[in-house]
PDB file of all heavy atoms in Angstrom:
ATOM      1  N   GLN A   1     111.195 128.716 106.635  1.00  0.00           N
ATOM      2  CA  GLN A   1     109.924 129.206 106.412  1.00  0.00           C
ATOM      3  C   GLN A   1     109.024 128.773 107.562  1.00  0.00           C
ATOM      4  O   GLN A   1     108.939 127.604 107.915  1.00  0.00           O
ATOM      5  CB  GLN A   1     109.372 128.517 105.141  1.00  0.00           C
ATOM      6  CG  GLN A   1     107.908 128.892 104.766  1.00  0.00           C
ATOM      7  CD  GLN A   1     107.760 130.398 104.526  1.00  0.00           C
ATOM      8  OE1 GLN A   1     108.485 130.983 103.727  1.00  0.00           O
ATOM      9  NE2 GLN A   1     106.698 130.988 105.031  1.00  0.00           N
ATOM     10  N   MET A   2     108.416 129.754 108.205  1.00  0.00           N
ATOM     11  CA  MET A   2     107.533 129.500 109.413  1.00  0.00           C
ATOM     12  C   MET A   2     106.128 129.853 109.165  1.00  0.00           C
ATOM     13  O   MET A   2     105.848 131.056 108.836  1.00  0.00           O
ATOM     14  CB  MET A   2     108.168 130.322 110.609  1.00  0.00           C
ATOM     15  CG  MET A   2     109.584 130.160 110.854  1.00  0.00           C
ATOM     16  SD  MET A   2     110.207 130.987 112.299  1.00  0.00           S
ATOM     17  CE  MET A   2     110.013 132.708 111.814  1.00  0.00           C
ATOM     18  N   ASN A   3     105.301 128.905 109.156  1.00  0.00           N
ATOM     19  CA  ASN A   3     103.860 129.064 108.959  1.00  0.00           C
ATOM     20  C   ASN A   3     103.013 128.759 110.300  1.00  0.00           C
ATOM     21  O   ASN A   3     103.633 128.093 111.188  1.00  0.00           O
ATOM     22  CB  ASN A   3     103.390 128.206 107.791  1.00  0.00           C
ATOM     23  CG  ASN A   3     104.059 128.469 106.464  1.00  0.00           C
ATOM     24  OD1 ASN A   3     104.456 129.622 106.290  1.00  0.00           O
ATOM     25  ND2 ASN A   3     104.248 127.440 105.673  1.00  0.00           N
ATOM     26  N   SER A   4     101.886 129.203 110.256  1.00  0.00           N
ATOM     27  CA  SER A   4     100.970 128.907 111.419  1.00  0.00           C
ATOM     28  C   SER A   4     101.698 129.281 112.727  1.00  0.00           C
ATOM     29  O   SER A   4     101.644 128.522 113.664  1.00  0.00           O
ATOM     30  CB  SER A   4     100.514 127.458 111.365  1.00  0.00           C
ATOM     31  OG  SER A   4      99.822 127.179 110.129  1.00  0.00           O
ATOM     32  N   LEU A   5     102.195 130.439 112.740  1.00  0.00           N
ATOM     33  CA  LEU A   5     102.953 130.836 113.967  1.00  0.00           C
ATOM     34  C   LEU A   5     102.058 130.943 115.158  1.00  0.00           C
ATOM     35  O   LEU A   5     100.976 131.432 115.093  1.00  0.00           O
ATOM     36  CB  LEU A   5     103.770 132.173 113.607  1.00  0.00           C
ATOM     37  CG  LEU A   5     104.981 131.902 112.799  1.00  0.00           C
ATOM     38  CD1 LEU A   5     105.526 133.221 112.170  1.00  0.00           C
ATOM     39  CD2 LEU A   5     106.105 131.348 113.714  1.00  0.00           C
ATOM     40  N   LYS A   6     102.718 130.632 116.271  1.00  0.00           N
ATOM     41  CA  LYS A   6     101.997 130.684 117.570  1.00  0.00           C
ATOM     42  C   LYS A   6     102.771 131.549 118.570  1.00  0.00           C
ATOM     43  O   LYS A   6     103.967 131.835 118.432  1.00  0.00           O
ATOM     44  CB  LYS A   6     102.007 129.261 118.225  1.00  0.00           C
ATOM     45  CG  LYS A   6     101.358 128.172 117.324  1.00  0.00           C
ATOM     46  CD  LYS A   6     101.497 126.839 117.978  1.00  0.00           C
ATOM     47  CE  LYS A   6     100.880 125.745 117.032  1.00  0.00           C
ATOM     48  NZ  LYS A   6     101.060 124.380 117.624  1.00  0.00           N
ATOM     49  N   PRO A   7     102.122 132.080 119.526  1.00  0.00           N
ATOM     50  CA  PRO A   7     102.788 132.992 120.547  1.00  0.00           C
ATOM     51  C   PRO A   7     103.994 132.313 121.144  1.00  0.00           C
ATOM     52  O   PRO A   7     105.053 132.958 121.394  1.00  0.00           O
ATOM     53  CB  PRO A   7     101.686 133.294 121.540  1.00  0.00           C
ATOM     54  CG  PRO A   7     100.441 133.194 120.758  1.00  0.00           C
ATOM     55  CD  PRO A   7     100.683 132.053 119.802  1.00  0.00           C
ATOM     56  N   GLU A   8     103.986 130.928 121.318  1.00  0.00           N
ATOM     57  CA  GLU A   8     105.085 130.281 121.909  1.00  0.00           C
ATOM     58  C   GLU A   8     106.266 130.083 120.996  1.00  0.00           C
ATOM     59  O   GLU A   8     107.308 129.631 121.391  1.00  0.00           O
ATOM     60  CB  GLU A   8     104.616 128.824 122.414  1.00  0.00           C
ATOM     61  CG  GLU A   8     103.960 128.050 121.389  1.00  0.00           C
ATOM     62  CD  GLU A   8     102.379 128.052 121.577  1.00  0.00           C
ATOM     63  OE1 GLU A   8     101.828 129.244 121.737  1.00  0.00           O
ATOM     64  OE2 GLU A   8     101.695 127.033 121.422  1.00  0.00           O
ATOM     65  N   ASP A   9     106.130 130.554 119.706  1.00  0.00           N
ATOM     66  CA  ASP A   9     107.292 130.548 118.832  1.00  0.00           C
ATOM     67  C   ASP A   9     108.131 131.863 119.046  1.00  0.00           C
ATOM     68  O   ASP A   9     109.218 132.058 118.425  1.00  0.00           O
ATOM     69  CB  ASP A   9     106.754 130.550 117.440  1.00  0.00           C
ATOM     70  CG  ASP A   9     106.082 129.217 117.012  1.00  0.00           C
ATOM     71  OD1 ASP A   9     106.669 128.113 117.407  1.00  0.00           O
ATOM     72  OD2 ASP A   9     105.147 129.258 116.299  1.00  0.00           O
ATOM     73  N   THR A  10     107.596 132.760 119.852  1.00  0.00           N
ATOM     74  CA  THR A  10     108.344 134.021 120.081  1.00  0.00           C
ATOM     75  C   THR A  10     109.668 133.707 120.714  1.00  0.00           C
ATOM     76  O   THR A  10     109.803 132.998 121.721  1.00  0.00           O
ATOM     77  CB  THR A  10     107.539 134.936 121.022  1.00  0.00           C
ATOM     78  OG1 THR A  10     106.310 135.278 120.410  1.00  0.00           O
ATOM     79  CG2 THR A  10     108.354 136.127 121.475  1.00  0.00           C
ATOM     80  N   ALA A  11     110.755 134.151 120.123  1.00  0.00           N
ATOM     81  CA  ALA A  11     112.133 133.929 120.543  1.00  0.00           C
ATOM     82  C   ALA A  11     113.089 134.764 119.630  1.00  0.00           C
ATOM     83  O   ALA A  11     112.713 135.192 118.618  1.00  0.00           O
ATOM     84  CB  ALA A  11     112.385 132.420 120.475  1.00  0.00           C
ATOM     85  N   VAL A  12     114.343 134.682 120.056  1.00  0.00           N
ATOM     86  CA  VAL A  12     115.437 135.091 119.149  1.00  0.00           C
ATOM     87  C   VAL A  12     115.851 133.848 118.415  1.00  0.00           C
ATOM     88  O   VAL A  12     116.159 132.801 119.063  1.00  0.00           O
ATOM     89  CB  VAL A  12     116.556 135.681 119.922  1.00  0.00           C
ATOM     90  CG1 VAL A  12     117.702 136.082 118.963  1.00  0.00           C
ATOM     91  CG2 VAL A  12     116.200 136.921 120.677  1.00  0.00           C
ATOM     92  N   TYR A  13     115.904 133.969 117.078  1.00  0.00           N
ATOM     93  CA  TYR A  13     116.244 132.812 116.270  1.00  0.00           C
ATOM     94  C   TYR A  13     117.681 132.988 115.813  1.00  0.00           C
ATOM     95  O   TYR A  13     118.051 134.067 115.294  1.00  0.00           O
ATOM     96  CB  TYR A  13     115.274 132.707 115.071  1.00  0.00           C
ATOM     97  CG  TYR A  13     113.936 132.090 115.469  1.00  0.00           C
ATOM     98  CD1 TYR A  13     113.061 132.814 116.277  1.00  0.00           C
ATOM     99  CD2 TYR A  13     113.610 130.848 114.993  1.00  0.00           C
ATOM    100  CE1 TYR A  13     111.878 132.287 116.639  1.00  0.00           C
ATOM    101  CE2 TYR A  13     112.370 130.282 115.477  1.00  0.00           C
ATOM    102  CZ  TYR A  13     111.534 131.039 116.244  1.00  0.00           C
ATOM    103  OH  TYR A  13     110.323 130.490 116.592  1.00  0.00           O
ATOM    104  N   TYR A  14     118.437 131.925 115.926  1.00  0.00           N
ATOM    105  CA  TYR A  14     119.905 131.908 115.505  1.00  0.00           C
ATOM    106  C   TYR A  14     120.194 130.920 114.423  1.00  0.00           C
ATOM    107  O   TYR A  14     119.662 129.830 114.487  1.00  0.00           O
ATOM    108  CB  TYR A  14     120.738 131.570 116.835  1.00  0.00           C
ATOM    109  CG  TYR A  14     120.692 132.612 117.920  1.00  0.00           C
ATOM    110  CD1 TYR A  14     119.731 132.405 118.883  1.00  0.00           C
ATOM    111  CD2 TYR A  14     121.559 133.620 118.013  1.00  0.00           C
ATOM    112  CE1 TYR A  14     119.580 133.230 119.963  1.00  0.00           C
ATOM    113  CE2 TYR A  14     121.470 134.568 119.012  1.00  0.00           C
ATOM    114  CZ  TYR A  14     120.539 134.373 120.048  1.00  0.00           C
ATOM    115  OH  TYR A  14     120.420 135.235 121.048  1.00  0.00           O
ATOM    116  N   CYS A  15     121.055 131.292 113.633  1.00  0.00           N
ATOM    117  CA  CYS A  15     121.579 130.410 112.587  1.00  0.00           C
ATOM    118  C   CYS A  15     122.925 129.829 113.056  1.00  0.00           C
ATOM    119  O   CYS A  15     123.717 130.472 113.729  1.00  0.00           O
ATOM    120  CB  CYS A  15     121.814 131.207 111.301  1.00  0.00           C
ATOM    121  SG  CYS A  15     122.407 130.278 109.910  1.00  0.00           S
ATOM    122  N   ARG A  16     123.073 128.559 112.781  1.00  0.00           N
ATOM    123  CA  ARG A  16     124.291 127.793 113.297  1.00  0.00           C
ATOM    124  C   ARG A  16     124.867 127.090 112.011  1.00  0.00           C
ATOM    125  O   ARG A  16     124.197 126.407 111.359  1.00  0.00           O
ATOM    126  CB  ARG A  16     123.871 126.927 114.339  1.00  0.00           C
ATOM    127  CG  ARG A  16     125.006 126.058 114.954  1.00  0.00           C
ATOM    128  CD  ARG A  16     124.401 125.083 115.982  1.00  0.00           C
ATOM    129  NE  ARG A  16     125.301 124.294 116.681  1.00  0.00           N
ATOM    130  CZ  ARG A  16     125.680 123.027 116.342  1.00  0.00           C
ATOM    131  NH1 ARG A  16     125.177 122.443 115.295  1.00  0.00           N
ATOM    132  NH2 ARG A  16     126.544 122.388 117.092  1.00  0.00           N
ATOM    133  N   SER A  17     126.175 127.150 112.053  1.00  0.00           N
ATOM    134  CA  SER A  17     126.906 126.292 111.044  1.00  0.00           C
ATOM    135  C   SER A  17     127.821 125.342 111.743  1.00  0.00           C
ATOM    136  O   SER A  17     128.308 125.668 112.825  1.00  0.00           O
ATOM    137  CB  SER A  17     127.720 127.148 110.098  1.00  0.00           C
ATOM    138  OG  SER A  17     128.845 127.817 110.765  1.00  0.00           O
ATOM    139  N   SER A  18     128.034 124.158 111.144  1.00  0.00           N
ATOM    140  CA  SER A  18     128.861 123.178 111.818  1.00  0.00           C
ATOM    141  C   SER A  18     129.575 122.311 110.833  1.00  0.00           C
ATOM    142  O   SER A  18     128.959 121.729 109.971  1.00  0.00           O
ATOM    143  CB  SER A  18     127.992 122.209 112.720  1.00  0.00           C
ATOM    144  OG  SER A  18     128.749 121.183 113.268  1.00  0.00           O
ATOM    145  N   LEU A  19     130.898 122.376 110.973  1.00  0.00           N
ATOM    146  CA  LEU A  19     131.747 121.423 110.231  1.00  0.00           C
ATOM    147  C   LEU A  19     132.993 121.267 111.035  1.00  0.00           C
ATOM    148  O   LEU A  19     134.042 121.889 110.824  1.00  0.00           O
ATOM    149  CB  LEU A  19     132.020 122.004 108.816  1.00  0.00           C
ATOM    150  CG  LEU A  19     132.936 121.088 107.902  1.00  0.00           C
ATOM    151  CD1 LEU A  19     132.047 119.856 107.545  1.00  0.00           C
ATOM    152  CD2 LEU A  19     133.258 121.818 106.563  1.00  0.00           C
ATOM    153  N   GLY A  20     132.847 120.509 112.048  1.00  0.00           N
ATOM    154  CA  GLY A  20     133.870 120.483 113.113  1.00  0.00           C
ATOM    155  C   GLY A  20     133.745 121.652 114.094  1.00  0.00           C
ATOM    156  O   GLY A  20     133.260 121.512 115.218  1.00  0.00           O
ATOM    157  N   THR A  21     134.037 122.850 113.572  1.00  0.00           N
ATOM    158  CA  THR A  21     133.839 124.103 114.366  1.00  0.00           C
ATOM    159  C   THR A  21     132.353 124.595 114.242  1.00  0.00           C
ATOM    160  O   THR A  21     131.918 124.494 113.103  1.00  0.00           O
ATOM    161  CB  THR A  21     134.823 125.133 113.911  1.00  0.00           C
ATOM    162  OG1 THR A  21     136.153 124.630 114.048  1.00  0.00           O
ATOM    163  CG2 THR A  21     134.688 126.410 114.765  1.00  0.00           C
ATOM    164  N   VAL A  22     131.829 125.070 115.314  1.00  0.00           N
ATOM    165  CA  VAL A  22     130.536 125.619 115.248  1.00  0.00           C
ATOM    166  C   VAL A  22     130.548 127.134 115.313  1.00  0.00           C
ATOM    167  O   VAL A  22     131.371 127.722 116.001  1.00  0.00           O
ATOM    168  CB  VAL A  22     129.707 125.173 116.588  1.00  0.00           C
ATOM    169  CG1 VAL A  22     128.335 125.867 116.650  1.00  0.00           C
ATOM    170  CG2 VAL A  22     129.431 123.630 116.390  1.00  0.00           C
ATOM    171  N   ARG A  23     129.747 127.780 114.468  1.00  0.00           N
ATOM    172  CA  ARG A  23     129.649 129.205 114.421  1.00  0.00           C
ATOM    173  C   ARG A  23     128.120 129.586 114.519  1.00  0.00           C
ATOM    174  O   ARG A  23     127.244 128.864 114.122  1.00  0.00           O
ATOM    175  CB  ARG A  23     130.180 129.791 113.076  1.00  0.00           C
ATOM    176  CG  ARG A  23     131.634 129.671 112.914  1.00  0.00           C
ATOM    177  CD  ARG A  23     132.389 130.673 113.699  1.00  0.00           C
ATOM    178  NE  ARG A  23     133.877 130.643 113.514  1.00  0.00           N
ATOM    179  CZ  ARG A  23     134.790 129.980 114.170  1.00  0.00           C
ATOM    180  NH1 ARG A  23     134.309 129.237 115.229  1.00  0.00           N
ATOM    181  NH2 ARG A  23     135.981 129.957 113.804  1.00  0.00           N
ATOM    182  N   TRP A  24     127.971 130.742 115.157  1.00  0.00           N
ATOM    183  CA  TRP A  24     126.594 131.267 115.359  1.00  0.00           C
ATOM    184  C   TRP A  24     126.468 132.644 114.743  1.00  0.00           C
ATOM    185  O   TRP A  24     127.401 133.415 114.717  1.00  0.00           O
ATOM    186  CB  TRP A  24     126.283 131.386 116.908  1.00  0.00           C
ATOM    187  CG  TRP A  24     126.248 130.013 117.583  1.00  0.00           C
ATOM    188  CD1 TRP A  24     127.278 129.535 118.266  1.00  0.00           C
ATOM    189  CD2 TRP A  24     125.148 129.266 117.762  1.00  0.00           C
ATOM    190  NE1 TRP A  24     126.870 128.239 118.802  1.00  0.00           N
ATOM    191  CE2 TRP A  24     125.461 128.164 118.598  1.00  0.00           C
ATOM    192  CE3 TRP A  24     123.766 129.323 117.359  1.00  0.00           C
ATOM    193  CZ2 TRP A  24     124.630 127.160 118.915  1.00  0.00           C
ATOM    194  CZ3 TRP A  24     122.894 128.335 117.790  1.00  0.00           C
ATOM    195  CH2 TRP A  24     123.297 127.143 118.516  1.00  0.00           C
TER     196      TRP A  24
END
């Protein structure tokens, strides 16, 4: 949940999982 968004928050957002191995 992203509130009070600013121009500097502009980006591609990635989800990451980690349990030994990392996935994106």
